[in-house]
Every structure is written in structure tokens, then in C-alpha cells.
Amino acid sequence: MTALAFTLPRMSPDALAAVDPLRSLALAARDGQGVAFTQLYERTRELAFRVLYRVVGNSPDLEDLVQDAYVQLMRALKGYRGDSKVTTFLHRVCVNVGLMYLRSKRRKPEALTADDEFPEDEAPETTDPERAAQVRQAAELVQRALSTMSVEKAQVFVYHDLLGYKPEEISELVDCPVNTVRSRLNRARVDFTGAITALRAGG
């Protein structure tokens, strides 16, 4: 899978160093220091896992997708100049990897069961097995709906509705005006609602 090209918001190196302790590791990894990339992986892997989980759900391929995201991150770091937050950089890579995966898996997923486990802190807040199964089925429906949407619409939907980014932040992530982001988000929600309705009707 190939991550999409992107630009990121710019900050001065001094300002970035004050708010992003991962910056020095990313710069060292960019310059070929394998130990630095290993440390970067260890310090951010949980974040990558959670972002990908929100996009693809409890997929059996989740661990492979995390690994794929770091392969893409290693490539993307070649263009990293230290003037954007590493976590933002990683979010973008993970969202792209997750969406490409969903688009490649446009088929009915295997049914989730009450025995399927959520990552820590992602489990539904209920001890009722029936309710837990309903939450899992709803999550599955979200992933199936995302797989039917264009990449551009799915990106802004995931950033805003699943990851909590503001339109102004998304504008920097996808390199387009804020008004375009808002318009695209509105259209994405219409497409998402239509996809959910169709999936529920079709089973």
C-alpha cells in the first residue's frame, strides 16, 4: 500500500522542540539512525495502533497494518524537516494506510462475536454481552461504510468525526482551504449516512 503525498503545518524548529519531544528521534531516524527509529516506534506504536483501530476496527490484519504504517513512516521521514509534529505526521500515515486497506477489502467482513476483544481503553463501557456485541456490530458497520466513500471524503470524516481534528487542522493535513474541508465534510456525512442506511437495508 502506498501512502498519499501530503504537506503539514509548519513551525519553527525551536517552537517544535518545545512541544514535540519526538522531533529529535524523527530527525535522527530520517538521517539513517536505526536505533532512533526503533525508539520512535516503541514510543508511538500504541498511538498508531489506536488510530488504525478507529479506522479499520478489530481487524485480524491490524498488527500487519501497524507494521505497514511504520514502513510508510520510514519512507515519509525522508522529507521530514522537523517543522511539524511527529504525531500529526504519524496520524496522516495511519489514516491513509487504514483507508487503503478498507477500500481493498470491499466485501462483507466476518461476523464479530461477543468473544472478540477490544484494545485496552477501547472496549465498550458495558458488562452486558448483548450490548457489547451490538457495539461491535455498529463499529463493523462504520468500517464498511467508510470503504464505500472516496478517499478525500473518508479522510476528512475520519479526521473530524473519529479522531477529533478541527477543520482548521484538517485543512493543513489535506492541504486544502478550510471552506473546502467543511464542504467536503458535509458531503462526507451525507455519503456516510446513505451508506449506513443501504448497509442496514441490505444486511
N, C-alpha and C. Protein backbone atom coordinates (compact mmCIF):
# COMPACT_ATOMS: atom_id res chain seq x y z
N MET A 1 0.84 -1.19 0.00
CA MET A 1 0.00 0.00 0.00
C MET A 1 0.87 1.24 0.00
N THR A 2 0.47 2.26 -0.70
CA THR A 2 1.26 3.47 -0.84
C THR A 2 0.56 4.63 -0.16
N ALA A 3 1.24 5.29 0.75
CA ALA A 3 0.66 6.44 1.44
C ALA A 3 0.55 7.60 0.47
N LEU A 4 -0.48 8.42 0.62
CA LEU A 4 -0.68 9.56 -0.24
C LEU A 4 0.29 10.67 0.14
N ALA A 5 0.69 11.46 -0.86
CA ALA A 5 1.59 12.58 -0.59
C ALA A 5 0.86 13.63 0.22
N PHE A 6 1.59 14.35 1.06
CA PHE A 6 0.92 15.35 1.88
C PHE A 6 1.89 16.41 2.35
N THR A 7 1.32 17.54 2.77
CA THR A 7 2.07 18.60 3.42
C THR A 7 1.54 18.76 4.82
N LEU A 8 2.32 19.39 5.68
CA LEU A 8 1.94 19.52 7.08
C LEU A 8 2.19 20.95 7.56
N PRO A 9 1.50 21.36 8.63
CA PRO A 9 1.68 22.70 9.15
C PRO A 9 3.12 22.95 9.59
N ARG A 10 3.61 24.15 9.39
CA ARG A 10 4.99 24.48 9.67
C ARG A 10 5.15 25.22 11.00
N MET A 11 6.18 24.85 11.74
CA MET A 11 6.54 25.55 12.95
C MET A 11 8.04 25.74 12.93
N SER A 12 8.54 26.71 13.69
CA SER A 12 9.98 26.90 13.77
C SER A 12 10.58 25.72 14.54
N PRO A 13 11.83 25.35 14.24
CA PRO A 13 12.46 24.23 14.95
C PRO A 13 12.47 24.41 16.47
N ASP A 14 12.73 25.64 16.94
CA ASP A 14 12.76 25.87 18.40
C ASP A 14 11.38 25.66 19.02
N ALA A 15 10.34 26.17 18.33
CA ALA A 15 8.99 26.00 18.85
C ALA A 15 8.59 24.54 18.84
N LEU A 16 8.99 23.84 17.79
CA LEU A 16 8.63 22.43 17.68
C LEU A 16 9.30 21.61 18.78
N ALA A 17 10.56 21.91 19.06
CA ALA A 17 11.28 21.16 20.08
C ALA A 17 10.63 21.30 21.45
N ALA A 18 10.01 22.45 21.68
CA ALA A 18 9.39 22.70 22.99
C ALA A 18 8.12 21.89 23.17
N VAL A 19 7.42 21.59 22.08
CA VAL A 19 6.13 20.90 22.21
C VAL A 19 6.17 19.46 21.71
N ASP A 20 7.23 19.09 21.04
CA ASP A 20 7.28 17.75 20.45
C ASP A 20 8.59 17.04 20.81
N PRO A 21 8.57 16.28 21.90
CA PRO A 21 9.80 15.58 22.32
C PRO A 21 10.23 14.48 21.36
N LEU A 22 9.36 14.12 20.40
CA LEU A 22 9.71 13.08 19.43
C LEU A 22 10.51 13.63 18.25
N ARG A 23 10.60 14.94 18.16
CA ARG A 23 11.23 15.56 16.99
C ARG A 23 12.66 15.10 16.78
N SER A 24 13.46 15.09 17.86
CA SER A 24 14.86 14.71 17.71
C SER A 24 15.00 13.27 17.25
N LEU A 25 14.12 12.39 17.74
CA LEU A 25 14.15 11.00 17.29
C LEU A 25 13.81 10.90 15.81
N ALA A 26 12.80 11.66 15.39
CA ALA A 26 12.39 11.61 13.99
C ALA A 26 13.50 12.11 13.08
N LEU A 27 14.17 13.19 13.49
CA LEU A 27 15.27 13.72 12.68
C LEU A 27 16.44 12.73 12.60
N ALA A 28 16.72 12.09 13.73
CA ALA A 28 17.81 11.10 13.73
C ALA A 28 17.44 9.90 12.87
N ALA A 29 16.18 9.47 12.95
CA ALA A 29 15.71 8.35 12.12
C ALA A 29 15.77 8.73 10.65
N ARG A 30 15.39 9.95 10.34
CA ARG A 30 15.46 10.44 8.96
C ARG A 30 16.89 10.35 8.42
N ASP A 31 17.85 10.60 9.30
CA ASP A 31 19.25 10.61 8.90
C ASP A 31 19.88 9.22 8.93
N GLY A 32 19.04 8.20 9.12
CA GLY A 32 19.53 6.83 9.00
C GLY A 32 19.93 6.14 10.28
N GLN A 33 19.62 6.73 11.43
CA GLN A 33 19.97 6.10 12.70
C GLN A 33 18.88 5.09 13.08
N GLY A 34 19.19 3.82 12.89
CA GLY A 34 18.22 2.76 13.13
C GLY A 34 17.74 2.70 14.57
N VAL A 35 18.63 2.97 15.51
CA VAL A 35 18.25 2.94 16.92
C VAL A 35 17.18 4.00 17.20
N ALA A 36 17.32 5.16 16.58
CA ALA A 36 16.36 6.24 16.78
C ALA A 36 14.99 5.84 16.23
N PHE A 37 14.99 5.19 15.09
CA PHE A 37 13.69 4.77 14.53
C PHE A 37 13.04 3.71 15.42
N THR A 38 13.85 2.81 15.97
CA THR A 38 13.33 1.80 16.89
C THR A 38 12.70 2.46 18.11
N GLN A 39 13.38 3.47 18.66
CA GLN A 39 12.84 4.19 19.82
C GLN A 39 11.57 4.94 19.45
N LEU A 40 11.55 5.53 18.26
CA LEU A 40 10.36 6.23 17.79
C LEU A 40 9.19 5.26 17.67
N TYR A 41 9.45 4.09 17.15
CA TYR A 41 8.43 3.05 17.03
C TYR A 41 7.90 2.66 18.41
N GLU A 42 8.81 2.42 19.34
CA GLU A 42 8.40 1.99 20.67
C GLU A 42 7.56 3.05 21.39
N ARG A 43 7.86 4.32 21.15
CA ARG A 43 7.16 5.40 21.85
C ARG A 43 5.84 5.79 21.18
N THR A 44 5.66 5.39 19.94
CA THR A 44 4.44 5.81 19.23
C THR A 44 3.58 4.64 18.76
N ARG A 45 4.02 3.42 18.97
CA ARG A 45 3.28 2.28 18.44
C ARG A 45 1.85 2.22 18.97
N GLU A 46 1.67 2.49 20.25
CA GLU A 46 0.32 2.44 20.83
C GLU A 46 -0.59 3.46 20.15
N LEU A 47 -0.05 4.65 19.88
CA LEU A 47 -0.83 5.67 19.18
C LEU A 47 -1.22 5.18 17.79
N ALA A 48 -0.27 4.62 17.06
CA ALA A 48 -0.56 4.11 15.72
C ALA A 48 -1.62 3.02 15.77
N PHE A 49 -1.51 2.16 16.76
CA PHE A 49 -2.48 1.07 16.91
C PHE A 49 -3.88 1.63 17.13
N ARG A 50 -3.99 2.64 17.98
CA ARG A 50 -5.30 3.20 18.29
C ARG A 50 -5.91 3.93 17.09
N VAL A 51 -5.08 4.67 16.37
CA VAL A 51 -5.59 5.37 15.18
C VAL A 51 -6.08 4.36 14.16
N LEU A 52 -5.29 3.34 13.90
CA LEU A 52 -5.69 2.33 12.93
C LEU A 52 -6.91 1.56 13.41
N TYR A 53 -6.99 1.31 14.71
CA TYR A 53 -8.17 0.62 15.24
C TYR A 53 -9.43 1.43 14.98
N ARG A 54 -9.34 2.74 15.12
CA ARG A 54 -10.52 3.58 14.89
C ARG A 54 -10.93 3.57 13.43
N VAL A 55 -9.99 3.33 12.54
CA VAL A 55 -10.30 3.31 11.12
C VAL A 55 -10.78 1.93 10.66
N VAL A 56 -10.07 0.88 11.03
CA VAL A 56 -10.38 -0.46 10.49
C VAL A 56 -11.06 -1.38 11.49
N GLY A 57 -11.17 -0.95 12.75
CA GLY A 57 -11.81 -1.81 13.74
C GLY A 57 -10.91 -2.95 14.17
N ASN A 58 -11.53 -3.96 14.75
CA ASN A 58 -10.78 -5.09 15.31
C ASN A 58 -10.44 -6.10 14.21
N SER A 59 -9.75 -5.61 13.18
CA SER A 59 -9.41 -6.44 12.03
C SER A 59 -8.33 -7.45 12.39
N PRO A 60 -8.38 -8.66 11.82
CA PRO A 60 -7.30 -9.62 12.05
C PRO A 60 -5.99 -9.16 11.44
N ASP A 61 -6.05 -8.16 10.56
CA ASP A 61 -4.85 -7.63 9.92
C ASP A 61 -4.31 -6.40 10.63
N LEU A 62 -4.84 -6.07 11.79
CA LEU A 62 -4.49 -4.82 12.47
C LEU A 62 -2.99 -4.73 12.76
N GLU A 63 -2.41 -5.78 13.26
CA GLU A 63 -0.97 -5.74 13.57
C GLU A 63 -0.15 -5.56 12.30
N ASP A 64 -0.56 -6.22 11.21
CA ASP A 64 0.16 -6.04 9.95
C ASP A 64 0.04 -4.61 9.45
N LEU A 65 -1.13 -3.99 9.66
CA LEU A 65 -1.33 -2.61 9.23
C LEU A 65 -0.45 -1.66 10.03
N VAL A 66 -0.28 -1.94 11.31
CA VAL A 66 0.62 -1.12 12.13
C VAL A 66 2.04 -1.19 11.56
N GLN A 67 2.47 -2.40 11.21
CA GLN A 67 3.81 -2.56 10.65
C GLN A 67 3.91 -1.82 9.31
N ASP A 68 2.86 -1.93 8.50
CA ASP A 68 2.85 -1.25 7.21
C ASP A 68 2.93 0.27 7.39
N ALA A 69 2.24 0.77 8.42
CA ALA A 69 2.27 2.21 8.69
C ALA A 69 3.69 2.67 9.00
N TYR A 70 4.45 1.86 9.71
CA TYR A 70 5.81 2.27 10.04
C TYR A 70 6.75 2.15 8.85
N VAL A 71 6.45 1.24 7.94
CA VAL A 71 7.21 1.21 6.69
C VAL A 71 6.97 2.49 5.91
N GLN A 72 5.69 2.91 5.85
CA GLN A 72 5.35 4.15 5.18
C GLN A 72 5.93 5.36 5.90
N LEU A 73 5.94 5.30 7.24
CA LEU A 73 6.51 6.40 8.02
C LEU A 73 7.99 6.54 7.74
N MET A 74 8.70 5.43 7.66
CA MET A 74 10.13 5.48 7.40
C MET A 74 10.41 6.18 6.06
N ARG A 75 9.57 5.85 5.07
CA ARG A 75 9.73 6.50 3.77
C ARG A 75 9.39 7.98 3.84
N ALA A 76 8.30 8.29 4.56
CA ALA A 76 7.85 9.68 4.65
C ALA A 76 8.84 10.56 5.40
N LEU A 77 9.58 9.97 6.35
CA LEU A 77 10.52 10.74 7.14
C LEU A 77 11.66 11.30 6.30
N LYS A 78 11.88 10.76 5.11
CA LYS A 78 12.94 11.28 4.25
C LYS A 78 12.68 12.74 3.89
N GLY A 79 11.41 13.12 3.91
CA GLY A 79 11.07 14.51 3.62
C GLY A 79 10.77 15.33 4.86
N TYR A 80 11.00 14.76 6.04
CA TYR A 80 10.70 15.47 7.29
C TYR A 80 11.78 16.48 7.60
N ARG A 81 11.38 17.72 7.87
CA ARG A 81 12.33 18.80 8.13
C ARG A 81 12.31 19.27 9.57
N GLY A 82 11.51 18.63 10.40
CA GLY A 82 11.48 19.00 11.81
C GLY A 82 10.58 20.15 12.13
N ASP A 83 9.74 20.58 11.16
CA ASP A 83 8.87 21.73 11.40
C ASP A 83 7.40 21.35 11.47
N SER A 84 7.12 20.08 11.77
CA SER A 84 5.74 19.63 12.00
C SER A 84 5.77 18.55 13.08
N LYS A 85 4.67 18.41 13.80
CA LYS A 85 4.64 17.44 14.90
C LYS A 85 4.71 16.02 14.36
N VAL A 86 5.49 15.19 15.02
CA VAL A 86 5.66 13.81 14.58
C VAL A 86 4.34 13.04 14.70
N THR A 87 3.57 13.30 15.76
CA THR A 87 2.31 12.57 15.92
C THR A 87 1.33 12.92 14.81
N THR A 88 1.33 14.18 14.36
CA THR A 88 0.49 14.56 13.23
C THR A 88 0.93 13.83 11.98
N PHE A 89 2.22 13.78 11.78
CA PHE A 89 2.81 13.04 10.67
C PHE A 89 2.34 11.59 10.69
N LEU A 90 2.41 10.98 11.87
CA LEU A 90 2.03 9.58 12.03
C LEU A 90 0.53 9.38 11.84
N HIS A 91 -0.28 10.28 12.35
CA HIS A 91 -1.73 10.20 12.15
C HIS A 91 -2.06 10.12 10.67
N ARG A 92 -1.44 10.99 9.90
CA ARG A 92 -1.73 11.04 8.47
C ARG A 92 -1.38 9.71 7.79
N VAL A 93 -0.21 9.17 8.12
CA VAL A 93 0.21 7.90 7.54
C VAL A 93 -0.77 6.79 7.91
N CYS A 94 -1.14 6.73 9.20
CA CYS A 94 -2.02 5.66 9.66
C CYS A 94 -3.42 5.74 9.03
N VAL A 95 -3.96 6.95 8.94
CA VAL A 95 -5.28 7.11 8.32
C VAL A 95 -5.23 6.65 6.87
N ASN A 96 -4.19 7.04 6.14
CA ASN A 96 -4.09 6.63 4.74
C ASN A 96 -3.96 5.11 4.59
N VAL A 97 -3.14 4.52 5.44
CA VAL A 97 -2.97 3.06 5.40
C VAL A 97 -4.29 2.37 5.70
N GLY A 98 -4.99 2.86 6.73
CA GLY A 98 -6.27 2.24 7.10
C GLY A 98 -7.32 2.36 6.02
N LEU A 99 -7.43 3.54 5.40
CA LEU A 99 -8.43 3.74 4.36
C LEU A 99 -8.12 2.91 3.12
N MET A 100 -6.85 2.82 2.77
CA MET A 100 -6.48 1.99 1.62
C MET A 100 -6.84 0.52 1.89
N TYR A 101 -6.65 0.12 3.12
CA TYR A 101 -7.00 -1.26 3.50
C TYR A 101 -8.50 -1.49 3.35
N LEU A 102 -9.31 -0.58 3.87
CA LEU A 102 -10.76 -0.74 3.78
C LEU A 102 -11.22 -0.78 2.33
N ARG A 103 -10.63 0.05 1.49
CA ARG A 103 -11.02 0.06 0.09
C ARG A 103 -10.62 -1.23 -0.62
N SER A 104 -9.57 -1.87 -0.12
CA SER A 104 -9.13 -3.13 -0.73
C SER A 104 -9.93 -4.33 -0.21
N LYS A 105 -10.72 -4.11 0.81
CA LYS A 105 -11.46 -5.22 1.43
C LYS A 105 -12.96 -4.99 1.30
N ARG A 106 -13.39 -4.56 0.13
CA ARG A 106 -14.82 -4.29 -0.07
C ARG A 106 -15.60 -5.60 -0.22
N ARG A 107 -15.74 -6.24 0.87
CA ARG A 107 -16.54 -7.45 0.95
C ARG A 107 -17.12 -7.52 2.34
N LYS A 108 -18.12 -8.33 2.54
CA LYS A 108 -18.74 -8.44 3.85
C LYS A 108 -17.75 -9.06 4.83
N PRO A 109 -17.40 -8.36 5.90
CA PRO A 109 -16.45 -8.90 6.87
C PRO A 109 -17.06 -10.07 7.63
N GLU A 110 -16.18 -10.86 8.20
CA GLU A 110 -16.66 -11.94 9.06
C GLU A 110 -17.40 -11.34 10.25
N ALA A 111 -18.46 -12.02 10.66
CA ALA A 111 -19.26 -11.52 11.78
C ALA A 111 -18.43 -11.48 13.05
N LEU A 112 -18.60 -10.41 13.80
CA LEU A 112 -17.94 -10.30 15.08
C LEU A 112 -18.74 -11.06 16.13
N THR A 113 -18.05 -11.58 17.12
CA THR A 113 -18.71 -12.33 18.17
C THR A 113 -18.45 -11.65 19.50
N ALA A 114 -19.18 -12.08 20.48
CA ALA A 114 -19.02 -11.49 21.82
C ALA A 114 -17.66 -11.78 22.41
N ASP A 115 -16.92 -12.76 21.84
CA ASP A 115 -15.61 -13.10 22.35
C ASP A 115 -14.50 -12.25 21.77
N ASP A 116 -14.80 -11.48 20.69
CA ASP A 116 -13.79 -10.61 20.11
C ASP A 116 -13.39 -9.55 21.13
N GLU A 117 -12.09 -9.26 21.21
CA GLU A 117 -11.59 -8.34 22.21
C GLU A 117 -11.29 -6.98 21.61
N PHE A 118 -11.52 -5.94 22.40
CA PHE A 118 -11.15 -4.59 22.03
C PHE A 118 -9.79 -4.29 22.63
N PRO A 119 -9.01 -3.40 22.00
CA PRO A 119 -7.78 -2.95 22.64
C PRO A 119 -8.12 -2.27 23.97
N GLU A 120 -7.17 -2.27 24.88
CA GLU A 120 -7.37 -1.63 26.19
C GLU A 120 -7.82 -0.19 26.01
N ASP A 121 -8.79 0.22 26.78
CA ASP A 121 -9.38 1.56 26.75
C ASP A 121 -10.28 1.82 25.56
N GLU A 122 -10.44 0.82 24.66
CA GLU A 122 -11.34 0.99 23.53
C GLU A 122 -12.59 0.14 23.69
N ALA A 123 -12.63 -0.67 24.73
CA ALA A 123 -13.76 -1.57 24.94
C ALA A 123 -15.02 -0.78 25.25
N PRO A 124 -16.18 -1.27 24.80
CA PRO A 124 -17.43 -0.59 25.14
C PRO A 124 -17.65 -0.61 26.64
N GLU A 125 -18.20 0.50 27.17
CA GLU A 125 -18.39 0.60 28.61
C GLU A 125 -19.67 -0.12 29.02
N THR A 126 -19.64 -1.43 28.95
CA THR A 126 -20.79 -2.23 29.34
C THR A 126 -20.32 -3.63 29.71
N THR A 127 -21.02 -4.24 30.67
CA THR A 127 -20.73 -5.63 31.04
C THR A 127 -21.78 -6.57 30.44
N ASP A 128 -22.69 -6.03 29.68
CA ASP A 128 -23.75 -6.81 29.05
C ASP A 128 -23.23 -7.38 27.73
N PRO A 129 -23.07 -8.70 27.61
CA PRO A 129 -22.55 -9.30 26.38
C PRO A 129 -23.36 -8.92 25.14
N GLU A 130 -24.68 -8.85 25.29
CA GLU A 130 -25.52 -8.50 24.14
C GLU A 130 -25.25 -7.07 23.70
N ARG A 131 -25.12 -6.17 24.66
CA ARG A 131 -24.83 -4.77 24.33
C ARG A 131 -23.44 -4.65 23.71
N ALA A 132 -22.47 -5.40 24.24
CA ALA A 132 -21.12 -5.37 23.69
C ALA A 132 -21.11 -5.83 22.24
N ALA A 133 -21.89 -6.86 21.95
CA ALA A 133 -21.98 -7.36 20.58
C ALA A 133 -22.59 -6.31 19.66
N GLN A 134 -23.58 -5.58 20.17
CA GLN A 134 -24.21 -4.53 19.37
C GLN A 134 -23.21 -3.41 19.05
N VAL A 135 -22.38 -3.07 20.03
CA VAL A 135 -21.37 -2.03 19.81
C VAL A 135 -20.38 -2.49 18.75
N ARG A 136 -19.98 -3.75 18.82
CA ARG A 136 -19.05 -4.30 17.84
C ARG A 136 -19.66 -4.29 16.44
N GLN A 137 -20.91 -4.66 16.35
CA GLN A 137 -21.59 -4.67 15.06
C GLN A 137 -21.71 -3.26 14.49
N ALA A 138 -21.94 -2.28 15.37
CA ALA A 138 -22.01 -0.89 14.92
C ALA A 138 -20.66 -0.44 14.38
N ALA A 139 -19.58 -0.83 15.07
CA ALA A 139 -18.23 -0.47 14.61
C ALA A 139 -17.95 -1.10 13.25
N GLU A 140 -18.37 -2.34 13.08
CA GLU A 140 -18.19 -3.02 11.80
C GLU A 140 -18.92 -2.28 10.69
N LEU A 141 -20.11 -1.78 11.00
CA LEU A 141 -20.91 -1.05 10.02
C LEU A 141 -20.20 0.24 9.60
N VAL A 142 -19.57 0.90 10.56
CA VAL A 142 -18.83 2.13 10.25
C VAL A 142 -17.70 1.83 9.27
N GLN A 143 -16.94 0.76 9.52
CA GLN A 143 -15.84 0.43 8.62
C GLN A 143 -16.33 0.08 7.21
N ARG A 144 -17.44 -0.63 7.13
CA ARG A 144 -17.99 -0.98 5.83
C ARG A 144 -18.46 0.27 5.09
N ALA A 145 -19.04 1.22 5.82
CA ALA A 145 -19.49 2.47 5.20
C ALA A 145 -18.29 3.28 4.71
N LEU A 146 -17.24 3.35 5.50
CA LEU A 146 -16.04 4.09 5.10
C LEU A 146 -15.44 3.53 3.82
N SER A 147 -15.53 2.22 3.66
CA SER A 147 -14.93 1.58 2.48
C SER A 147 -15.63 1.96 1.20
N THR A 148 -16.85 2.48 1.28
CA THR A 148 -17.61 2.85 0.08
C THR A 148 -17.37 4.31 -0.30
N MET A 149 -16.73 5.08 0.55
CA MET A 149 -16.56 6.52 0.32
C MET A 149 -15.27 6.80 -0.43
N SER A 150 -15.23 7.94 -1.11
CA SER A 150 -13.99 8.36 -1.76
C SER A 150 -12.94 8.63 -0.69
N VAL A 151 -11.67 8.51 -1.07
CA VAL A 151 -10.59 8.73 -0.12
C VAL A 151 -10.68 10.14 0.47
N GLU A 152 -10.95 11.14 -0.39
CA GLU A 152 -10.98 12.52 0.08
C GLU A 152 -12.05 12.75 1.14
N LYS A 153 -13.23 12.18 0.90
CA LYS A 153 -14.32 12.35 1.88
C LYS A 153 -14.06 11.51 3.13
N ALA A 154 -13.57 10.30 2.93
CA ALA A 154 -13.30 9.44 4.08
C ALA A 154 -12.23 10.04 4.98
N GLN A 155 -11.23 10.66 4.38
CA GLN A 155 -10.16 11.29 5.17
C GLN A 155 -10.72 12.34 6.12
N VAL A 156 -11.47 13.30 5.58
CA VAL A 156 -11.96 14.38 6.44
C VAL A 156 -12.95 13.85 7.47
N PHE A 157 -13.73 12.83 7.10
CA PHE A 157 -14.68 12.25 8.04
C PHE A 157 -13.93 11.59 9.21
N VAL A 158 -12.90 10.82 8.90
CA VAL A 158 -12.13 10.15 9.95
C VAL A 158 -11.43 11.17 10.83
N TYR A 159 -10.77 12.15 10.21
CA TYR A 159 -10.06 13.16 11.00
C TYR A 159 -11.00 13.90 11.95
N HIS A 160 -12.16 14.30 11.44
CA HIS A 160 -13.07 15.12 12.25
C HIS A 160 -13.91 14.30 13.21
N ASP A 161 -14.62 13.30 12.68
CA ASP A 161 -15.61 12.59 13.49
C ASP A 161 -15.02 11.45 14.31
N LEU A 162 -13.91 10.87 13.89
CA LEU A 162 -13.33 9.75 14.63
C LEU A 162 -12.10 10.16 15.45
N LEU A 163 -11.32 11.12 14.94
CA LEU A 163 -10.09 11.50 15.64
C LEU A 163 -10.17 12.86 16.31
N GLY A 164 -11.24 13.63 16.02
CA GLY A 164 -11.45 14.88 16.74
C GLY A 164 -10.67 16.08 16.25
N TYR A 165 -10.13 16.04 15.04
CA TYR A 165 -9.43 17.21 14.49
C TYR A 165 -10.43 18.31 14.14
N LYS A 166 -10.00 19.56 14.29
CA LYS A 166 -10.80 20.71 13.88
C LYS A 166 -10.61 20.94 12.38
N PRO A 167 -11.60 21.59 11.73
CA PRO A 167 -11.47 21.86 10.29
C PRO A 167 -10.17 22.58 9.94
N GLU A 168 -9.75 23.52 10.79
CA GLU A 168 -8.52 24.26 10.52
C GLU A 168 -7.31 23.32 10.52
N GLU A 169 -7.31 22.35 11.41
CA GLU A 169 -6.21 21.39 11.45
C GLU A 169 -6.26 20.44 10.26
N ILE A 170 -7.46 20.03 9.91
CA ILE A 170 -7.63 19.14 8.76
C ILE A 170 -7.19 19.83 7.48
N SER A 171 -7.44 21.14 7.41
CA SER A 171 -7.01 21.91 6.25
C SER A 171 -5.52 21.76 5.99
N GLU A 172 -4.74 21.79 7.05
CA GLU A 172 -3.30 21.62 6.91
C GLU A 172 -2.94 20.18 6.54
N LEU A 173 -3.65 19.23 7.12
CA LEU A 173 -3.36 17.82 6.86
C LEU A 173 -3.61 17.43 5.42
N VAL A 174 -4.70 17.93 4.85
CA VAL A 174 -5.06 17.53 3.48
C VAL A 174 -4.69 18.59 2.45
N ASP A 175 -4.08 19.68 2.92
CA ASP A 175 -3.56 20.72 2.04
C ASP A 175 -4.64 21.33 1.14
N CYS A 176 -5.72 21.79 1.76
CA CYS A 176 -6.77 22.49 1.02
C CYS A 176 -7.43 23.51 1.96
N PRO A 177 -8.14 24.52 1.40
CA PRO A 177 -8.72 25.57 2.23
C PRO A 177 -9.73 25.03 3.25
N VAL A 178 -9.89 25.77 4.33
CA VAL A 178 -10.81 25.36 5.39
C VAL A 178 -12.24 25.23 4.86
N ASN A 179 -12.66 26.14 4.03
CA ASN A 179 -14.01 26.07 3.48
C ASN A 179 -14.20 24.80 2.65
N THR A 180 -13.16 24.40 1.96
CA THR A 180 -13.22 23.15 1.20
C THR A 180 -13.36 21.96 2.13
N VAL A 181 -12.63 22.01 3.25
CA VAL A 181 -12.73 20.94 4.24
C VAL A 181 -14.15 20.84 4.77
N ARG A 182 -14.73 21.98 5.14
CA ARG A 182 -16.09 21.97 5.69
C ARG A 182 -17.09 21.44 4.66
N SER A 183 -16.94 21.88 3.41
CA SER A 183 -17.84 21.40 2.35
C SER A 183 -17.68 19.91 2.14
N ARG A 184 -16.42 19.48 2.12
CA ARG A 184 -16.15 18.05 1.92
C ARG A 184 -16.67 17.22 3.09
N LEU A 185 -16.57 17.76 4.30
CA LEU A 185 -17.06 17.06 5.48
C LEU A 185 -18.58 16.92 5.41
N ASN A 186 -19.26 17.97 5.00
CA ASN A 186 -20.73 17.89 4.87
C ASN A 186 -21.13 16.82 3.86
N ARG A 187 -20.44 16.79 2.72
CA ARG A 187 -20.74 15.79 1.70
C ARG A 187 -20.38 14.39 2.19
N ALA A 188 -19.30 14.31 2.97
CA ALA A 188 -18.89 13.01 3.50
C ALA A 188 -19.94 12.46 4.46
N ARG A 189 -20.52 13.33 5.28
CA ARG A 189 -21.54 12.88 6.22
C ARG A 189 -22.80 12.41 5.49
N VAL A 190 -23.13 13.09 4.38
CA VAL A 190 -24.28 12.65 3.58
C VAL A 190 -23.99 11.27 3.00
N ASP A 191 -22.79 11.09 2.45
CA ASP A 191 -22.43 9.80 1.87
C ASP A 191 -22.39 8.71 2.95
N PHE A 192 -21.86 9.07 4.11
CA PHE A 192 -21.75 8.09 5.19
C PHE A 192 -23.13 7.64 5.65
N THR A 193 -24.03 8.61 5.84
CA THR A 193 -25.39 8.28 6.27
C THR A 193 -26.08 7.40 5.23
N GLY A 194 -25.91 7.75 3.96
CA GLY A 194 -26.50 6.94 2.90
C GLY A 194 -25.95 5.53 2.87
N ALA A 195 -24.64 5.40 3.09
CA ALA A 195 -24.02 4.08 3.10
C ALA A 195 -24.52 3.24 4.27
N ILE A 196 -24.63 3.86 5.43
CA ILE A 196 -25.14 3.15 6.61
C ILE A 196 -26.57 2.67 6.36
N THR A 197 -27.41 3.54 5.79
CA THR A 197 -28.80 3.17 5.51
C THR A 197 -28.86 2.00 4.53
N ALA A 198 -28.04 2.06 3.48
CA ALA A 198 -28.04 0.99 2.49
C ALA A 198 -27.54 -0.32 3.08
N LEU A 199 -26.51 -0.25 3.91
CA LEU A 199 -25.97 -1.47 4.53
C LEU A 199 -26.97 -2.10 5.47
N ARG A 200 -27.66 -1.28 6.24
CA ARG A 200 -28.67 -1.81 7.16
C ARG A 200 -29.82 -2.46 6.39
N ALA A 201 -30.18 -1.84 5.28
CA ALA A 201 -31.28 -2.38 4.48
C ALA A 201 -30.89 -3.67 3.77
N GLY A 202 -29.60 -3.72 3.37
CA GLY A 202 -29.14 -4.90 2.63
C GLY A 202 -28.62 -6.01 3.48
N GLY A 203 -28.36 -5.70 4.75
CA GLY A 203 -27.86 -6.72 5.67
C GLY A 203 -26.38 -7.03 5.46
